[in-house]
Protein backbone atom coordinates (compact mmCIF):
# COMPACT_ATOMS: atom_id res chain seq x y z
CA MET A 1 76.40 108.10 -70.97
CA THR A 2 77.58 104.67 -69.84
CA THR A 3 75.74 101.74 -68.28
CA THR A 4 77.19 99.25 -65.81
CA GLY A 5 75.98 95.69 -65.36
CA ARG A 6 77.06 92.12 -64.77
CA GLN A 7 78.24 89.92 -67.63
CA LEU A 8 79.08 86.20 -67.71
CA ILE A 9 82.69 85.69 -68.79
CA SER A 10 84.37 82.39 -69.72
CA THR A 11 88.16 82.20 -69.41
CA LEU A 12 90.36 79.24 -70.33
CA ASN A 13 93.59 79.34 -68.35
CA SER A 14 97.02 77.86 -69.03
CA ASP A 15 96.65 75.52 -66.04
CA ASN A 16 93.82 73.71 -67.88
CA THR A 17 91.02 75.26 -65.86
CA MET A 18 87.93 76.99 -67.18
CA VAL A 19 86.55 79.83 -65.09
CA LEU A 20 83.00 81.13 -65.45
CA SER A 21 82.48 84.37 -63.58
CA LEU A 22 79.99 87.22 -63.31
CA GLU A 23 81.95 90.42 -63.76
CA GLN A 24 80.97 94.06 -63.69
CA LYS A 25 81.26 95.59 -67.15
CA THR A 26 80.81 99.15 -68.35
CA PHE A 27 78.85 99.43 -71.58
CA PRO A 28 79.63 102.51 -73.67
CA GLU A 29 77.02 104.59 -75.40
CA PRO A 30 76.04 102.80 -78.63
CA LYS A 31 77.24 104.30 -81.90
CA GLY A 32 76.03 104.15 -85.48
CA ASN A 33 73.69 101.20 -85.90
CA GLN A 34 74.38 99.79 -82.44
CA VAL A 35 71.71 99.46 -79.76
CA LEU A 36 72.04 98.80 -76.04
CA VAL A 37 69.59 96.15 -74.87
CA LYS A 38 68.51 95.56 -71.30
CA MET A 39 68.47 91.78 -71.43
CA GLU A 40 65.36 90.13 -70.01
CA ALA A 41 65.54 86.52 -71.25
CA ALA A 42 68.19 84.31 -72.89
CA PRO A 43 68.13 80.54 -73.57
CA ILE A 44 71.06 78.26 -72.84
CA ASN A 45 71.68 76.60 -76.21
CA PRO A 46 74.08 73.72 -76.94
CA SER A 47 76.23 76.20 -78.87
CA ASP A 48 76.66 78.23 -75.66
CA LEU A 49 77.88 75.22 -73.72
CA PHE A 50 81.05 74.99 -75.81
CA LEU A 51 82.35 77.98 -73.81
CA MET A 52 80.83 76.81 -70.54
CA THR A 53 80.90 73.08 -69.87
CA THR A 54 82.54 71.14 -72.73
CA GLY A 55 85.21 68.81 -71.36
CA VAL A 56 84.99 70.08 -67.78
CA ASP A 57 85.30 68.02 -64.60
CA PHE A 58 82.35 68.92 -62.37
CA LYS A 59 83.49 66.51 -59.65
CA ASN A 60 86.59 68.58 -58.92
CA ALA A 61 85.09 72.00 -59.66
CA THR A 62 84.98 74.83 -57.15
CA PHE A 63 81.67 76.67 -56.86
CA GLU A 64 81.53 80.15 -55.34
CA ALA A 65 78.91 82.88 -55.52
CA GLY A 66 79.01 84.13 -59.11
CA LYS A 67 82.13 82.10 -59.99
CA VAL A 68 82.94 78.52 -60.96
CA THR A 69 86.44 77.10 -61.52
CA MET A 70 86.54 73.76 -63.35
CA PRO A 71 89.39 71.51 -64.49
CA ILE A 72 89.11 70.85 -68.22
CA ALA A 73 90.36 67.82 -70.15
CA PRO A 74 93.81 68.58 -71.64
CA GLN A 75 92.77 67.46 -75.13
CA VAL A 76 89.75 69.78 -75.02
CA ALA A 77 91.91 72.65 -73.78
CA ALA A 78 94.40 72.00 -76.58
CA GLY A 79 91.60 72.22 -79.13
CA GLN A 80 90.73 75.68 -77.79
CA ALA A 81 94.29 76.95 -77.46
CA ALA A 82 93.53 80.06 -79.50
CA ARG A 83 91.38 81.44 -76.69
CA MET A 84 93.77 80.60 -73.86
CA GLY A 85 93.90 83.53 -71.47
CA LYS A 86 91.41 85.55 -73.54
CA PRO A 87 88.12 86.12 -71.66
CA GLN A 88 85.03 85.40 -73.76
CA THR A 89 81.49 86.73 -73.32
CA VAL A 90 78.78 84.07 -73.37
CA GLY A 91 75.20 83.88 -74.60
CA ASN A 92 74.43 83.77 -78.30
CA GLU A 93 70.88 85.09 -78.27
CA GLY A 94 68.19 86.63 -76.13
CA ALA A 95 65.64 89.41 -75.90
CA GLY A 96 65.05 92.62 -74.02
CA GLU A 97 64.32 96.33 -74.26
CA VAL A 98 66.41 98.79 -76.29
CA ILE A 99 67.34 101.52 -73.79
CA ALA A 100 69.87 103.42 -75.91
CA ALA A 101 70.67 103.63 -79.61
CA GLY A 102 73.32 105.01 -81.94
CA ASP A 103 72.49 107.73 -84.41
CA GLY A 104 71.87 105.30 -87.28
CA GLU A 105 68.35 105.34 -88.70
CA MET A 106 67.70 101.66 -88.02
CA ALA A 107 69.08 101.89 -84.48
CA GLN A 108 66.95 104.94 -83.69
CA SER A 109 63.84 103.18 -84.95
CA LEU A 110 64.31 100.48 -82.28
CA LEU A 111 64.70 102.81 -79.28
CA GLY A 112 62.23 101.85 -76.57
CA GLN A 113 61.17 98.66 -78.35
CA ARG A 114 61.45 95.08 -77.15
CA VAL A 115 63.70 93.11 -79.53
CA ALA A 116 65.28 89.72 -79.98
CA CYS A 117 69.01 89.92 -80.71
CA VAL A 118 72.18 87.87 -81.18
CA PRO A 119 74.89 89.83 -79.34
CA GLY A 120 77.08 86.89 -78.31
CA SER A 121 76.89 88.29 -74.77
CA ALA A 122 73.27 87.62 -73.86
CA PHE A 123 74.11 86.18 -70.42
CA GLY A 124 74.42 89.64 -68.95
CA GLU A 125 72.27 92.43 -67.67
CA TYR A 126 72.95 94.48 -70.81
CA ALA A 127 74.28 93.81 -74.29
CA LEU A 128 75.37 95.83 -77.30
CA ALA A 129 73.82 94.53 -80.51
CA ASP A 130 73.74 95.39 -84.20
CA ALA A 131 70.36 96.83 -85.15
CA MET A 132 70.42 94.83 -88.41
CA MET A 133 70.49 91.63 -86.35
CA CYS A 134 67.62 92.68 -84.07
CA LEU A 135 64.05 91.49 -84.52
CA PRO A 136 61.35 93.87 -83.17
CA LEU A 137 58.96 91.77 -81.09
CA GLY A 138 55.95 94.08 -81.09
CA ASP A 139 53.47 92.81 -78.51
CA HIS A 140 55.43 89.61 -77.88
CA SER A 141 57.21 89.21 -74.53
CA SER A 142 60.96 88.77 -74.17
CA GLU A 143 60.35 85.15 -73.21
CA ASP A 144 58.39 84.65 -76.43
CA GLY A 145 61.27 86.08 -78.43
CA ALA A 146 64.29 84.83 -76.49
CA SER A 147 64.82 81.83 -78.76
CA SER A 148 63.77 83.50 -81.99
CA PHE A 149 67.11 83.33 -83.76
CA VAL A 150 69.26 80.20 -83.35
CA ASN A 151 66.63 77.43 -83.45
CA PRO A 152 64.10 79.05 -85.81
CA MET A 153 66.70 80.19 -88.33
CA THR A 154 68.47 76.83 -88.13
CA ALA A 155 65.24 74.90 -88.74
CA LEU A 156 64.31 77.21 -91.61
CA GLY A 157 67.86 76.83 -92.90
CA PHE A 158 67.48 73.06 -93.07
CA ALA A 159 64.31 73.38 -95.13
CA GLU A 160 65.89 76.00 -97.39
CA THR A 161 69.02 73.87 -97.85
CA ALA A 162 66.89 70.89 -98.86
CA LYS A 163 65.03 72.97 -101.43
CA ARG A 164 68.26 74.45 -102.82
CA GLU A 165 69.75 71.00 -103.26
CA GLY A 166 66.67 69.53 -104.90
CA HIS A 167 65.46 67.27 -102.08
CA LYS A 168 61.83 66.62 -101.27
CA ALA A 169 62.38 65.13 -97.80
CA ILE A 170 64.93 65.09 -94.98
CA ILE A 171 65.97 63.06 -91.94
CA HIS A 172 66.47 64.80 -88.60
CA ALA A 173 68.07 63.22 -85.53
CA ALA A 174 67.26 64.29 -81.95
CA ALA A 175 63.95 65.34 -83.42
CA ALA A 176 62.01 65.93 -80.18
CA SER A 177 64.11 68.97 -79.29
CA ASN A 178 62.70 72.50 -79.51
CA LEU A 179 64.44 72.82 -82.87
CA GLY A 180 63.11 69.46 -84.00
CA GLN A 181 59.55 70.36 -83.14
CA MET A 182 59.92 73.60 -85.11
CA LEU A 183 61.30 71.68 -88.09
CA ASN A 184 58.36 69.26 -87.90
CA ARG A 185 55.93 72.17 -88.17
CA ILE A 186 57.92 73.86 -90.95
CA CYS A 187 58.00 70.71 -93.07
CA GLN A 188 54.26 70.29 -92.72
CA GLU A 189 53.72 73.91 -93.77
CA ASP A 190 56.14 73.64 -96.71
CA GLY A 191 55.15 70.20 -97.96
CA LEU A 192 58.53 68.62 -97.22
CA GLY A 193 58.75 65.01 -96.10
CA LEU A 194 60.41 64.52 -92.71
CA VAL A 195 61.78 61.45 -90.94
CA ASN A 196 62.09 62.16 -87.21
CA ILE A 197 64.56 60.14 -85.14
CA VAL A 198 63.96 60.05 -81.37
CA ARG A 199 65.22 57.96 -78.45
CA LYS A 200 62.09 57.43 -76.34
CA ASP A 201 58.49 56.38 -76.87
CA GLU A 202 57.19 59.54 -75.18
CA GLN A 203 59.23 61.66 -77.60
CA ALA A 204 57.75 59.74 -80.52
CA GLN A 205 54.25 60.33 -79.20
CA LEU A 206 54.97 64.03 -78.70
CA LEU A 207 55.84 64.45 -82.38
CA LYS A 208 52.96 62.28 -83.58
CA ASP A 209 50.58 64.44 -81.55
CA GLN A 210 52.01 67.40 -83.50
CA GLY A 211 51.20 65.76 -86.82
CA ALA A 212 54.49 64.00 -87.60
CA ALA A 213 53.90 61.23 -90.12
CA HIS A 214 57.23 59.39 -89.79
CA VAL A 215 58.84 58.92 -86.37
CA VAL A 216 61.38 56.19 -85.59
CA ASN A 217 62.82 55.31 -82.19
CA SER A 218 66.56 54.60 -82.14
CA SER A 219 66.06 52.47 -79.00
CA ASP A 220 63.94 49.91 -80.87
CA ASP A 221 65.55 46.62 -81.90
CA ASP A 222 64.35 47.08 -85.49
CA PHE A 223 65.29 50.77 -85.64
CA GLU A 224 67.38 50.59 -88.80
CA ALA A 225 64.73 48.63 -90.69
CA LYS A 226 62.06 51.12 -89.65
CA LEU A 227 64.35 53.99 -90.62
CA ALA A 228 64.85 52.50 -94.07
CA GLU A 229 61.10 52.05 -94.39
CA ALA A 230 60.56 55.74 -93.58
CA VAL A 231 63.28 56.77 -96.04
CA GLY A 232 61.57 54.72 -98.73
CA ALA A 233 58.19 56.28 -97.95
CA THR A 234 59.49 59.86 -98.06
CA GLY A 235 62.50 59.75 -100.40
CA ALA A 236 64.70 61.34 -97.71
CA PHE A 237 68.27 61.14 -99.00
CA LEU A 238 69.40 64.21 -97.06
CA GLY A 239 69.81 64.32 -93.29
CA PHE A 240 70.80 66.62 -90.43
CA ASP A 241 72.58 65.20 -87.38
CA PRO A 242 73.15 67.24 -84.18
CA ILE A 243 74.74 64.29 -82.37
CA GLY A 244 77.87 64.16 -84.50
CA GLY A 245 79.80 61.48 -82.64
CA GLY A 246 79.03 57.79 -82.80
CA ARG A 247 76.96 56.03 -85.46
CA THR A 248 73.91 58.22 -86.13
CA THR A 249 75.15 59.59 -89.45
CA ASP A 250 76.41 56.15 -90.45
CA THR A 251 73.05 54.53 -89.67
CA CYS A 252 71.19 57.13 -91.71
CA LEU A 253 73.45 56.58 -94.71
CA ARG A 254 72.99 52.81 -94.42
CA ALA A 255 69.21 53.22 -94.36
CA MET A 256 69.37 55.43 -97.46
CA GLU A 257 71.48 52.81 -99.22
CA ARG A 258 69.01 50.05 -98.36
CA VAL A 259 66.33 51.97 -100.21
CA ALA A 260 68.60 52.92 -103.10
CA ALA A 261 69.82 49.32 -103.52
CA LYS A 262 66.26 48.07 -103.95
CA GLU A 263 65.83 50.46 -106.89
CA MET A 264 68.96 49.19 -108.71
CA THR A 265 68.25 47.23 -111.90
CA GLU A 266 71.76 45.73 -111.98
CA TYR A 267 74.11 44.64 -109.21
CA SER A 268 77.23 46.71 -108.60
CA ARG A 269 80.00 45.79 -106.20
CA TYR A 270 80.39 49.52 -105.54
CA GLY A 271 76.86 49.99 -104.27
CA SER A 272 74.23 52.35 -105.59
CA ASN A 273 74.99 55.58 -107.40
CA LYS A 274 72.14 57.36 -105.60
CA PRO A 275 73.52 60.56 -103.97
CA LYS A 276 73.20 60.40 -100.19
CA LYS A 277 74.16 63.27 -97.89
CA MET A 278 74.33 63.91 -94.16
CA TYR A 279 75.05 67.26 -92.55
CA ILE A 280 76.51 67.26 -89.03
CA TYR A 281 75.50 70.46 -87.27
CA GLY A 282 76.33 69.74 -83.63
CA ARG A 283 78.36 67.65 -81.20
CA LEU A 284 75.97 66.35 -78.59
CA GLU A 285 78.25 63.30 -78.57
CA LEU A 286 81.98 64.08 -78.41
CA ALA A 287 83.13 60.61 -79.51
CA PRO A 288 84.58 60.17 -83.02
CA THR A 289 82.14 59.97 -85.90
CA VAL A 290 81.97 56.34 -87.09
CA LEU A 291 81.56 55.68 -90.82
CA THR A 292 81.47 52.16 -92.24
CA PRO A 293 81.86 50.91 -95.85
CA SER A 294 78.15 50.18 -96.18
CA TYR A 295 76.71 52.62 -98.70
CA GLY A 296 78.78 52.61 -101.85
CA PHE A 297 80.67 55.72 -102.89
CA ALA A 298 77.90 58.18 -103.80
CA TRP A 299 77.70 59.77 -100.38
CA THR A 300 78.77 62.97 -98.64
CA VAL A 301 79.22 63.93 -95.00
CA SER A 302 79.57 67.63 -94.41
CA GLY A 303 79.22 70.28 -91.70
CA TRP A 304 76.36 72.78 -91.47
CA LEU A 305 76.52 76.02 -89.49
CA LEU A 306 73.92 78.74 -89.21
CA MET A 307 76.02 81.84 -89.84
CA PRO A 308 77.57 80.62 -93.14
CA PHE A 309 74.07 79.66 -94.29
CA LEU A 310 72.72 83.13 -93.50
CA GLU A 311 75.67 84.71 -95.31
CA SER A 312 74.68 82.71 -98.39
CA CYS A 313 71.18 84.24 -98.39
CA ASP A 314 70.35 87.38 -100.33
CA LEU A 315 68.69 90.23 -98.42
CA GLN A 316 65.20 89.40 -99.69
CA THR A 317 65.48 85.79 -98.52
CA LEU A 318 66.92 86.82 -95.16
CA MET A 319 64.19 89.36 -94.49
CA GLY A 320 61.56 86.82 -95.51
CA LEU A 321 62.93 84.31 -93.00
CA ARG A 322 62.96 86.93 -90.24
CA GLN A 323 59.37 87.92 -90.94
CA ARG A 324 58.27 84.29 -90.96
CA VAL A 325 59.83 83.82 -87.51
CA LYS A 326 58.13 86.92 -86.12
CA ASP A 327 54.75 85.85 -87.50
CA GLY A 328 55.08 82.40 -85.93
CA LEU A 329 56.63 83.11 -82.53
CA LYS A 330 53.67 81.59 -80.67
CA THR A 331 52.96 78.83 -83.18
CA THR A 332 55.56 77.37 -85.56
CA PHE A 333 58.52 78.78 -83.64
CA ALA A 334 57.27 78.57 -80.07
CA SER A 335 59.84 77.35 -77.53
CA SER A 336 59.35 75.72 -74.15
CA TYR A 337 61.67 75.71 -71.15
CA LYS A 338 62.27 73.31 -68.31
CA THR A 339 63.03 76.07 -65.82
CA ARG A 340 64.18 79.65 -65.42
CA VAL A 341 67.29 80.83 -63.54
CA ASP A 342 68.92 84.18 -62.88
CA LEU A 343 72.60 84.87 -63.52
CA GLU A 344 73.70 83.51 -60.13
CA GLY A 345 71.38 80.53 -60.45
CA MET A 346 72.89 79.43 -63.75
CA LEU A 347 76.28 79.01 -62.02
CA THR A 348 75.12 76.66 -59.25
CA LYS A 349 76.37 73.08 -59.35
CA ASP A 350 72.92 71.51 -59.63
CA ALA A 351 71.89 73.77 -62.51
CA MET A 352 75.13 73.38 -64.44
CA MET A 353 75.20 69.60 -64.17
CA ASP A 354 71.60 69.55 -65.35
CA TYR A 355 71.76 71.78 -68.42
CA ALA A 356 75.20 70.45 -69.39
CA GLN A 357 73.50 67.14 -70.25
CA MET A 358 71.71 68.88 -73.15
CA ALA A 359 68.72 66.62 -72.59
CA THR A 360 66.04 66.80 -75.27
CA GLY A 361 63.22 69.16 -74.35
CA GLU A 362 64.86 70.40 -71.12
CA LYS A 363 66.24 73.80 -72.05
CA TYR A 364 67.00 76.47 -69.43
CA LEU A 365 66.02 80.13 -69.76
CA VAL A 366 68.19 82.76 -68.09
CA THR A 367 66.51 85.90 -66.76
CA PRO A 368 69.45 88.28 -66.12
CA HIS A 369 67.48 90.74 -63.96
CA GLY A 370 65.77 88.03 -61.92
């Protein structure tokens, strides 16, 4: 038995164009622990946009029904040379109904159930997924569970990383996002201090209404002083930055050093020896990351990715995280969406130019079957 359906494909061509197209694909009968999911809802995450809009020129793009051809900046194309001419499926996560299953025990147990999954091809009418990576949703809808992997597991991963490394508080930039709101709730539940960085007063109020104790606005003239004050109040010498480019990480390290310097009993030309660490986990800003000689030498800037974190977890920890997400789908891990589009709708010029901005709190949800 085979199933045919449309799938979004991203192809980078040798003429420095990126083509997004809806193509008919035949899905084979699942084997072993595979399941075939009829996809009902899938969020457009920043991680998806790397294969869809990064470095493209919308002004000179050609939009057709179910197909978009976009010039892409040569330097961006060069950075993705390994996928040149190799079509890629798109859509990290989503949810839907399991309509076929391999003969594996776990796969068979999911047959007929609604599940959240991470197939890497969620922007399609159907997707093959590993049963081990599926989360049964029970009475929850596919919309409830569509964003139950990337953001929830990432937010939980931040809290777990802080605990592993012996920190009692963290800084988070772009904190009014869906992920940031989840992290705010997790930290309150787990007793972790959290310094939330936002860009607008309304974003600050949103988080305060959700119980956030420390929110600082990067648009304020005294932002860095307020950030240092919040670091001092919480002891947050670990931070997570989804912006990546520009000065966000640098500013956080400077604020940490301000606090650490006040605690020094003797002056040192090399700055404090208080360990300070920032993880960059995204590239909302593609400009170079700016670091200045402002915080001594006891500092670290590193990358953080979800899949390596999950690989570092033992099975008991991983299953505990999954269960926590399922239990909190409508509370701690609830997501909101700006709008919903079908597969054709996500490839219109207006929609693409909108979600490509990755604006805080304005996520799109794709409903592949309309």
